[in-house]
Amino acid sequence: MGHLDLKLREGTLNYREKLPIWANEVNGVIENIWDKALDRFTSVLVVGGGALLLGDLLRLQGKGIVLDNPVRAIARGSDKYDRAKRS
């Protein structure tokens, strides 16, 4: 998949027609894992590279919030977690 990632970053990957298919797969996972538990949350932070492409297509009951820099959010959260573990 590395070659597809490179094309995406270069802006040469034609992915628009595939987004609904990918979104359906991701939404299926969301529904299988979260089921009714999603009702407990007032909001869900959508992070990672997929958030840039799928954010609006995810079925999160209107609770999904795509952060300004969702890719950096993963790195920042991982760093915070690592620091907390070490202290």
PDB file of N, CA and C in Angstrom:
ATOM      1  N   MET A   1       0.804  -1.200   0.000  1.00  0.00           N
ATOM      2  CA  MET A   1       0.000   0.000   0.000  1.00  0.00           C
ATOM      3  C   MET A   1       0.851   1.270   0.000  1.00  0.00           C
ATOM      4  N   GLY A   2       2.149   1.113   0.211  1.00  0.00           N
ATOM      5  CA  GLY A   2       3.026   2.275   0.247  1.00  0.00           C
ATOM      6  C   GLY A   2       2.984   3.092  -1.033  1.00  0.00           C
ATOM      7  N   HIS A   3       2.874   2.410  -2.170  1.00  0.00           N
ATOM      8  CA  HIS A   3       2.821   3.135  -3.441  1.00  0.00           C
ATOM      9  C   HIS A   3       1.550   3.964  -3.561  1.00  0.00           C
ATOM     10  N   LEU A   4       0.446   3.484  -2.969  1.00  0.00           N
ATOM     11  CA  LEU A   4      -0.793   4.248  -2.989  1.00  0.00           C
ATOM     12  C   LEU A   4      -0.692   5.462  -2.077  1.00  0.00           C
ATOM     13  N   ASP A   5      -0.038   5.286  -0.929  1.00  0.00           N
ATOM     14  CA  ASP A   5       0.159   6.404  -0.013  1.00  0.00           C
ATOM     15  C   ASP A   5       0.964   7.504  -0.692  1.00  0.00           C
ATOM     16  N   LEU A   6       2.008   7.120  -1.395  1.00  0.00           N
ATOM     17  CA  LEU A   6       2.844   8.092  -2.100  1.00  0.00           C
ATOM     18  C   LEU A   6       2.031   8.846  -3.151  1.00  0.00           C
ATOM     19  N   LYS A   7       1.219   8.121  -3.911  1.00  0.00           N
ATOM     20  CA  LYS A   7       0.376   8.767  -4.924  1.00  0.00           C
ATOM     21  C   LYS A   7      -0.617   9.732  -4.276  1.00  0.00           C
ATOM     22  N   LEU A   8      -1.198   9.321  -3.152  1.00  0.00           N
ATOM     23  CA  LEU A   8      -2.142  10.178  -2.451  1.00  0.00           C
ATOM     24  C   LEU A   8      -1.463  11.475  -2.023  1.00  0.00           C
ATOM     25  N   ARG A   9      -0.283  11.358  -1.435  1.00  0.00           N
ATOM     26  CA  ARG A   9       0.448  12.545  -0.974  1.00  0.00           C
ATOM     27  C   ARG A   9       0.883  13.433  -2.137  1.00  0.00           C
ATOM     28  N   GLU A  10       1.133  12.833  -3.296  1.00  0.00           N
ATOM     29  CA  GLU A  10       1.512  13.600  -4.483  1.00  0.00           C
ATOM     30  C   GLU A  10       0.300  14.222  -5.174  1.00  0.00           C
ATOM     31  N   GLY A  11      -0.889  13.761  -4.802  1.00  0.00           N
ATOM     32  CA  GLY A  11      -2.103  14.265  -5.429  1.00  0.00           C
ATOM     33  C   GLY A  11      -2.420  13.606  -6.760  1.00  0.00           C
ATOM     34  N   THR A  12      -1.821  12.454  -7.013  1.00  0.00           N
ATOM     35  CA  THR A  12      -2.041  11.769  -8.291  1.00  0.00           C
ATOM     36  C   THR A  12      -2.924  10.524  -8.163  1.00  0.00           C
ATOM     37  N   LEU A  13      -3.407  10.237  -6.980  1.00  0.00           N
ATOM     38  CA  LEU A  13      -4.251   9.060  -6.780  1.00  0.00           C
ATOM     39  C   LEU A  13      -5.714   9.421  -6.993  1.00  0.00           C
ATOM     40  N   ASN A  14      -6.378   8.692  -7.875  1.00  0.00           N
ATOM     41  CA  ASN A  14      -7.799   8.905  -8.112  1.00  0.00           C
ATOM     42  C   ASN A  14      -8.578   8.040  -7.115  1.00  0.00           C
ATOM     43  N   TYR A  15      -9.026   8.638  -6.051  1.00  0.00           N
ATOM     44  CA  TYR A  15      -9.668   7.884  -4.972  1.00  0.00           C
ATOM     45  C   TYR A  15     -11.132   8.250  -4.755  1.00  0.00           C
ATOM     46  N   ARG A  16     -11.614   9.302  -5.370  1.00  0.00           N
ATOM     47  CA  ARG A  16     -12.973   9.799  -5.098  1.00  0.00           C
ATOM     48  C   ARG A  16     -14.044   8.728  -5.260  1.00  0.00           C
ATOM     49  N   GLU A  17     -13.950   7.930  -6.310  1.00  0.00           N
ATOM     50  CA  GLU A  17     -14.984   6.915  -6.535  1.00  0.00           C
ATOM     51  C   GLU A  17     -14.888   5.776  -5.531  1.00  0.00           C
ATOM     52  N   LYS A  18     -13.737   5.613  -4.902  1.00  0.00           N
ATOM     53  CA  LYS A  18     -13.543   4.530  -3.939  1.00  0.00           C
ATOM     54  C   LYS A  18     -13.945   4.931  -2.513  1.00  0.00           C
ATOM     55  N   LEU A  19     -14.082   6.233  -2.253  1.00  0.00           N
ATOM     56  CA  LEU A  19     -14.394   6.683  -0.895  1.00  0.00           C
ATOM     57  C   LEU A  19     -15.667   6.069  -0.321  1.00  0.00           C
ATOM     58  N   PRO A  20     -16.764   6.016  -1.063  1.00  0.00           N
ATOM     59  CA  PRO A  20     -17.972   5.402  -0.486  1.00  0.00           C
ATOM     60  C   PRO A  20     -17.775   3.938  -0.103  1.00  0.00           C
ATOM     61  N   ILE A  21     -16.996   3.204  -0.891  1.00  0.00           N
ATOM     62  CA  ILE A  21     -16.739   1.795  -0.582  1.00  0.00           C
ATOM     63  C   ILE A  21     -15.918   1.687   0.698  1.00  0.00           C
ATOM     64  N   TRP A  22     -14.866   2.479   0.778  1.00  0.00           N
ATOM     65  CA  TRP A  22     -14.015   2.480   1.973  1.00  0.00           C
ATOM     66  C   TRP A  22     -14.819   2.927   3.191  1.00  0.00           C
ATOM     67  N   ALA A  23     -15.634   3.970   3.016  1.00  0.00           N
ATOM     68  CA  ALA A  23     -16.453   4.471   4.123  1.00  0.00           C
ATOM     69  C   ALA A  23     -17.401   3.385   4.631  1.00  0.00           C
ATOM     70  N   ASN A  24     -17.999   2.621   3.720  1.00  0.00           N
ATOM     71  CA  ASN A  24     -18.892   1.539   4.136  1.00  0.00           C
ATOM     72  C   ASN A  24     -18.156   0.500   4.967  1.00  0.00           C
ATOM     73  N   GLU A  25     -16.926   0.182   4.561  1.00  0.00           N
ATOM     74  CA  GLU A  25     -16.126  -0.790   5.325  1.00  0.00           C
ATOM     75  C   GLU A  25     -15.806  -0.252   6.720  1.00  0.00           C
ATOM     76  N   VAL A  26     -15.381   0.996   6.784  1.00  0.00           N
ATOM     77  CA  VAL A  26     -15.040   1.595   8.079  1.00  0.00           C
ATOM     78  C   VAL A  26     -16.290   1.722   8.939  1.00  0.00           C
ATOM     79  N   ASN A  27     -17.396   2.134   8.358  1.00  0.00           N
ATOM     80  CA  ASN A  27     -18.640   2.242   9.121  1.00  0.00           C
ATOM     81  C   ASN A  27     -19.096   0.886   9.645  1.00  0.00           C
ATOM     82  N   GLY A  28     -18.864  -0.168   8.896  1.00  0.00           N
ATOM     83  CA  GLY A  28     -19.188  -1.509   9.381  1.00  0.00           C
ATOM     84  C   GLY A  28     -18.386  -1.865  10.612  1.00  0.00           C
ATOM     85  N   VAL A  29     -17.111  -1.512  10.603  1.00  0.00           N
ATOM     86  CA  VAL A  29     -16.266  -1.764  11.775  1.00  0.00           C
ATOM     87  C   VAL A  29     -16.741  -0.922  12.961  1.00  0.00           C
ATOM     88  N   ILE A  30     -17.056   0.344  12.700  1.00  0.00           N
ATOM     89  CA  ILE A  30     -17.557   1.219  13.774  1.00  0.00           C
ATOM     90  C   ILE A  30     -18.803   0.605  14.398  1.00  0.00           C
ATOM     91  N   GLU A  31     -19.722   0.168  13.565  1.00  0.00           N
ATOM     92  CA  GLU A  31     -20.969  -0.403  14.081  1.00  0.00           C
ATOM     93  C   GLU A  31     -20.727  -1.703  14.837  1.00  0.00           C
ATOM     94  N   ASN A  32     -19.815  -2.536  14.355  1.00  0.00           N
ATOM     95  CA  ASN A  32     -19.529  -3.803  15.038  1.00  0.00           C
ATOM     96  C   ASN A  32     -18.855  -3.596  16.384  1.00  0.00           C
ATOM     97  N   ILE A  33     -17.965  -2.627  16.464  1.00  0.00           N
ATOM     98  CA  ILE A  33     -17.223  -2.412  17.702  1.00  0.00           C
ATOM     99  C   ILE A  33     -18.003  -1.546  18.689  1.00  0.00           C
ATOM    100  N   TRP A  34     -18.570  -0.457  18.201  1.00  0.00           N
ATOM    101  CA  TRP A  34     -19.214   0.497  19.101  1.00  0.00           C
ATOM    102  C   TRP A  34     -20.665   0.155  19.387  1.00  0.00           C
ATOM    103  N   ASP A  35     -21.377  -0.378  18.388  1.00  0.00           N
ATOM    104  CA  ASP A  35     -22.785  -0.733  18.532  1.00  0.00           C
ATOM    105  C   ASP A  35     -23.529   0.387  19.241  1.00  0.00           C
ATOM    106  N   LYS A  36     -24.142   0.118  20.356  1.00  0.00           N
ATOM    107  CA  LYS A  36     -24.922   1.121  21.093  1.00  0.00           C
ATOM    108  C   LYS A  36     -24.057   1.965  22.028  1.00  0.00           C
ATOM    109  N   ALA A  37     -22.808   1.576  22.223  1.00  0.00           N
ATOM    110  CA  ALA A  37     -21.929   2.320  23.134  1.00  0.00           C
ATOM    111  C   ALA A  37     -21.710   3.750  22.663  1.00  0.00           C
ATOM    112  N   LEU A  38     -21.868   3.999  21.387  1.00  0.00           N
ATOM    113  CA  LEU A  38     -21.697   5.348  20.845  1.00  0.00           C
ATOM    114  C   LEU A  38     -22.681   6.318  21.487  1.00  0.00           C
ATOM    115  N   ASP A  39     -23.808   5.807  21.968  1.00  0.00           N
ATOM    116  CA  ASP A  39     -24.811   6.653  22.618  1.00  0.00           C
ATOM    117  C   ASP A  39     -24.263   7.341  23.865  1.00  0.00           C
ATOM    118  N   ARG A  40     -23.255   6.762  24.487  1.00  0.00           N
ATOM    119  CA  ARG A  40     -22.699   7.325  25.728  1.00  0.00           C
ATOM    120  C   ARG A  40     -21.909   8.599  25.509  1.00  0.00           C
ATOM    121  N   PHE A  41     -21.453   8.835  24.297  1.00  0.00           N
ATOM    122  CA  PHE A  41     -20.550   9.942  24.026  1.00  0.00           C
ATOM    123  C   PHE A  41     -21.284  11.139  23.423  1.00  0.00           C
ATOM    124  N   THR A  42     -20.839  12.331  23.803  1.00  0.00           N
ATOM    125  CA  THR A  42     -21.387  13.538  23.191  1.00  0.00           C
ATOM    126  C   THR A  42     -20.614  13.907  21.939  1.00  0.00           C
ATOM    127  N   SER A  43     -19.354  13.472  21.856  1.00  0.00           N
ATOM    128  CA  SER A  43     -18.552  13.714  20.655  1.00  0.00           C
ATOM    129  C   SER A  43     -17.488  12.638  20.522  1.00  0.00           C
ATOM    130  N   VAL A  44     -17.036  12.455  19.285  1.00  0.00           N
ATOM    131  CA  VAL A  44     -16.002  11.471  18.962  1.00  0.00           C
ATOM    132  C   VAL A  44     -14.950  12.189  18.123  1.00  0.00           C
ATOM    133  N   LEU A  45     -13.717  12.203  18.596  1.00  0.00           N
ATOM    134  CA  LEU A  45     -12.634  12.831  17.843  1.00  0.00           C
ATOM    135  C   LEU A  45     -12.170  11.882  16.747  1.00  0.00           C
ATOM    136  N   VAL A  46     -12.192  12.355  15.527  1.00  0.00           N
ATOM    137  CA  VAL A  46     -11.789  11.558  14.372  1.00  0.00           C
ATOM    138  C   VAL A  46     -10.368  11.987  14.007  1.00  0.00           C
ATOM    139  N   VAL A  47      -9.421  11.063  14.134  1.00  0.00           N
ATOM    140  CA  VAL A  47      -8.018  11.409  13.928  1.00  0.00           C
ATOM    141  C   VAL A  47      -7.371  10.436  12.954  1.00  0.00           C
ATOM    142  N   GLY A  48      -6.163  10.776  12.528  1.00  0.00           N
ATOM    143  CA  GLY A  48      -5.418   9.939  11.601  1.00  0.00           C
ATOM    144  C   GLY A  48      -5.620  10.396  10.172  1.00  0.00           C
ATOM    145  N   GLY A  49      -4.844   9.836   9.277  1.00  0.00           N
ATOM    146  CA  GLY A  49      -4.909  10.222   7.874  1.00  0.00           C
ATOM    147  C   GLY A  49      -6.258   9.960   7.232  1.00  0.00           C
ATOM    148  N   GLY A  50      -6.906   8.899   7.637  1.00  0.00           N
ATOM    149  CA  GLY A  50      -8.226   8.592   7.081  1.00  0.00           C
ATOM    150  C   GLY A  50      -9.268   9.642   7.413  1.00  0.00           C
ATOM    151  N   ALA A  51      -9.065  10.364   8.501  1.00  0.00           N
ATOM    152  CA  ALA A  51     -10.008  11.406   8.899  1.00  0.00           C
ATOM    153  C   ALA A  51     -10.113  12.489   7.836  1.00  0.00           C
ATOM    154  N   LEU A  52      -9.003  12.764   7.166  1.00  0.00           N
ATOM    155  CA  LEU A  52      -9.001  13.792   6.125  1.00  0.00           C
ATOM    156  C   LEU A  52      -9.886  13.403   4.959  1.00  0.00           C
ATOM    157  N   LEU A  53      -9.947  12.113   4.664  1.00  0.00           N
ATOM    158  CA  LEU A  53     -10.721  11.640   3.524  1.00  0.00           C
ATOM    159  C   LEU A  53     -12.134  11.200   3.895  1.00  0.00           C
ATOM    160  N   LEU A  54     -12.279  10.593   5.060  1.00  0.00           N
ATOM    161  CA  LEU A  54     -13.554   9.960   5.413  1.00  0.00           C
ATOM    162  C   LEU A  54     -14.385  10.713   6.446  1.00  0.00           C
ATOM    163  N   GLY A  55     -13.826  11.742   7.048  1.00  0.00           N
ATOM    164  CA  GLY A  55     -14.481  12.422   8.163  1.00  0.00           C
ATOM    165  C   GLY A  55     -15.976  12.605   8.025  1.00  0.00           C
ATOM    166  N   ASP A  56     -16.419  13.191   6.912  1.00  0.00           N
ATOM    167  CA  ASP A  56     -17.843  13.479   6.729  1.00  0.00           C
ATOM    168  C   ASP A  56     -18.660  12.250   6.357  1.00  0.00           C
ATOM    169  N   LEU A  57     -18.003  11.185   5.967  1.00  0.00           N
ATOM    170  CA  LEU A  57     -18.713   9.973   5.538  1.00  0.00           C
ATOM    171  C   LEU A  57     -18.926   8.963   6.660  1.00  0.00           C
ATOM    172  N   LEU A  58     -18.327   9.236   7.812  1.00  0.00           N
ATOM    173  CA  LEU A  58     -18.437   8.290   8.927  1.00  0.00           C
ATOM    174  C   LEU A  58     -19.768   8.467   9.643  1.00  0.00           C
ATOM    175  N   ARG A  59     -20.395   7.350   9.947  1.00  0.00           N
ATOM    176  CA  ARG A  59     -21.690   7.377  10.643  1.00  0.00           C
ATOM    177  C   ARG A  59     -21.442   7.337  12.149  1.00  0.00           C
ATOM    178  N   LEU A  60     -21.305   8.525  12.690  1.00  0.00           N
ATOM    179  CA  LEU A  60     -21.036   8.664  14.125  1.00  0.00           C
ATOM    180  C   LEU A  60     -22.151   9.440  14.819  1.00  0.00           C
ATOM    181  N   GLN A  61     -23.349   9.317  14.304  1.00  0.00           N
ATOM    182  CA  GLN A  61     -24.535   9.950  14.881  1.00  0.00           C
ATOM    183  C   GLN A  61     -24.365  11.456  15.032  1.00  0.00           C
ATOM    184  N   GLY A  62     -23.656  12.067  14.109  1.00  0.00           N
ATOM    185  CA  GLY A  62     -23.445  13.512  14.164  1.00  0.00           C
ATOM    186  C   GLY A  62     -22.479  13.955  15.246  1.00  0.00           C
ATOM    187  N   LYS A  63     -21.777  13.019  15.845  1.00  0.00           N
ATOM    188  CA  LYS A  63     -20.882  13.319  16.962  1.00  0.00           C
ATOM    189  C   LYS A  63     -19.420  13.419  16.537  1.00  0.00           C
ATOM    190  N   GLY A  64     -19.115  13.115  15.282  1.00  0.00           N
ATOM    191  CA  GLY A  64     -17.743  13.105  14.818  1.00  0.00           C
ATOM    192  C   GLY A  64     -17.172  14.501  14.653  1.00  0.00           C
ATOM    193  N   ILE A  65     -15.993  14.710  15.199  1.00  0.00           N
ATOM    194  CA  ILE A  65     -15.279  15.979  15.063  1.00  0.00           C
ATOM    195  C   ILE A  65     -13.905  15.667  14.484  1.00  0.00           C
ATOM    196  N   VAL A  66     -13.651  16.168  13.283  1.00  0.00           N
ATOM    197  CA  VAL A  66     -12.341  15.989  12.660  1.00  0.00           C
ATOM    198  C   VAL A  66     -11.456  17.129  13.145  1.00  0.00           C
ATOM    199  N   LEU A  67     -10.356  16.792  13.782  1.00  0.00           N
ATOM    200  CA  LEU A  67      -9.452  17.810  14.295  1.00  0.00           C
ATOM    201  C   LEU A  67      -8.767  18.552  13.155  1.00  0.00           C
ATOM    202  N   ASP A  68      -8.266  19.756  13.457  1.00  0.00           N
ATOM    203  CA  ASP A  68      -7.612  20.573  12.430  1.00  0.00           C
ATOM    204  C   ASP A  68      -6.452  19.845  11.772  1.00  0.00           C
ATOM    205  N   ASN A  69      -5.679  19.129  12.541  1.00  0.00           N
ATOM    206  CA  ASN A  69      -4.547  18.377  11.999  1.00  0.00           C
ATOM    207  C   ASN A  69      -4.638  16.953  12.546  1.00  0.00           C
ATOM    208  N   PRO A  70      -5.505  16.131  11.953  1.00  0.00           N
ATOM    209  CA  PRO A  70      -5.770  14.812  12.517  1.00  0.00           C
ATOM    210  C   PRO A  70      -4.575  13.856  12.488  1.00  0.00           C
ATOM    211  N   VAL A  71      -3.644  14.060  11.577  1.00  0.00           N
ATOM    212  CA  VAL A  71      -2.463  13.194  11.528  1.00  0.00           C
ATOM    213  C   VAL A  71      -1.532  13.541  12.687  1.00  0.00           C
ATOM    214  N   ARG A  72      -1.320  14.814  12.905  1.00  0.00           N
ATOM    215  CA  ARG A  72      -0.471  15.241  14.013  1.00  0.00           C
ATOM    216  C   ARG A  72      -1.086  14.833  15.358  1.00  0.00           C
ATOM    217  N   ALA A  73      -2.393  14.784  15.434  1.00  0.00           N
ATOM    218  CA  ALA A  73      -3.059  14.418  16.688  1.00  0.00           C
ATOM    219  C   ALA A  73      -2.639  13.026  17.150  1.00  0.00           C
ATOM    220  N   ILE A  74      -2.445  12.110  16.213  1.00  0.00           N
ATOM    221  CA  ILE A  74      -1.998  10.761  16.559  1.00  0.00           C
ATOM    222  C   ILE A  74      -0.605  10.823  17.177  1.00  0.00           C
ATOM    223  N   ALA A  75       0.296  11.554  16.536  1.00  0.00           N
ATOM    224  CA  ALA A  75       1.672  11.660  17.040  1.00  0.00           C
ATOM    225  C   ALA A  75       1.694  12.355  18.400  1.00  0.00           C
ATOM    226  N   ARG A  76       0.922  13.400  18.532  1.00  0.00           N
ATOM    227  CA  ARG A  76       0.901  14.141  19.807  1.00  0.00           C
ATOM    228  C   ARG A  76       0.324  13.285  20.927  1.00  0.00           C
ATOM    229  N   GLY A  77      -0.747  12.580  20.646  1.00  0.00           N
ATOM    230  CA  GLY A  77      -1.351  11.712  21.649  1.00  0.00           C
ATOM    231  C   GLY A  77      -0.422  10.580  22.043  1.00  0.00           C
ATOM    232  N   SER A  78       0.268  10.016  21.074  1.00  0.00           N
ATOM    233  CA  SER A  78       1.226   8.942  21.365  1.00  0.00           C
ATOM    234  C   SER A  78       2.362   9.463  22.237  1.00  0.00           C
ATOM    235  N   ASP A  79       2.834  10.657  21.947  1.00  0.00           N
ATOM    236  CA  ASP A  79       3.897  11.258  22.744  1.00  0.00           C
ATOM    237  C   ASP A  79       3.433  11.495  24.181  1.00  0.00           C
ATOM    238  N   LYS A  80       2.240  12.034  24.336  1.00  0.00           N
ATOM    239  CA  LYS A  80       1.700  12.272  25.685  1.00  0.00           C
ATOM    240  C   LYS A  80       1.576  10.958  26.473  1.00  0.00           C
ATOM    241  N   TYR A  81       1.074   9.935  25.794  1.00  0.00           N
ATOM    242  CA  TYR A  81       0.911   8.639  26.434  1.00  0.00           C
ATOM    243  C   TYR A  81       2.245   8.076  26.862  1.00  0.00           C
ATOM    244  N   ASP A  82       3.234   8.172  25.989  1.00  0.00           N
ATOM    245  CA  ASP A  82       4.572   7.681  26.288  1.00  0.00           C
ATOM    246  C   ASP A  82       5.187   8.419  27.479  1.00  0.00           C
ATOM    247  N   ARG A  83       5.022   9.722  27.501  1.00  0.00           N
ATOM    248  CA  ARG A  83       5.560  10.514  28.625  1.00  0.00           C
ATOM    249  C   ARG A  83       4.880  10.145  29.931  1.00  0.00           C
ATOM    250  N   ALA A  84       3.585   9.912  29.881  1.00  0.00           N
ATOM    251  CA  ALA A  84       2.845   9.551  31.099  1.00  0.00           C
ATOM    252  C   ALA A  84       3.294   8.184  31.618  1.00  0.00           C
ATOM    253  N   LYS A  85       3.572   7.267  30.700  1.00  0.00           N
ATOM    254  CA  LYS A  85       4.022   5.938  31.110  1.00  0.00           C
ATOM    255  C   LYS A  85       5.395   6.006  31.790  1.00  0.00           C
ATOM    256  N   ARG A  86       6.234   6.915  31.327  1.00  0.00           N
ATOM    257  CA  ARG A  86       7.593   7.010  31.858  1.00  0.00           C
ATOM    258  C   ARG A  86       7.665   7.754  33.184  1.00  0.00           C
ATOM    259  N   SER A  87       6.637   8.500  33.524  1.00  0.00           N
ATOM    260  CA  SER A  87       6.697   9.276  34.777  1.00  0.00           C
ATOM    261  C   SER A  87       6.048   8.575  35.935  1.00  0.00           C
TER     262      SER A  87
END
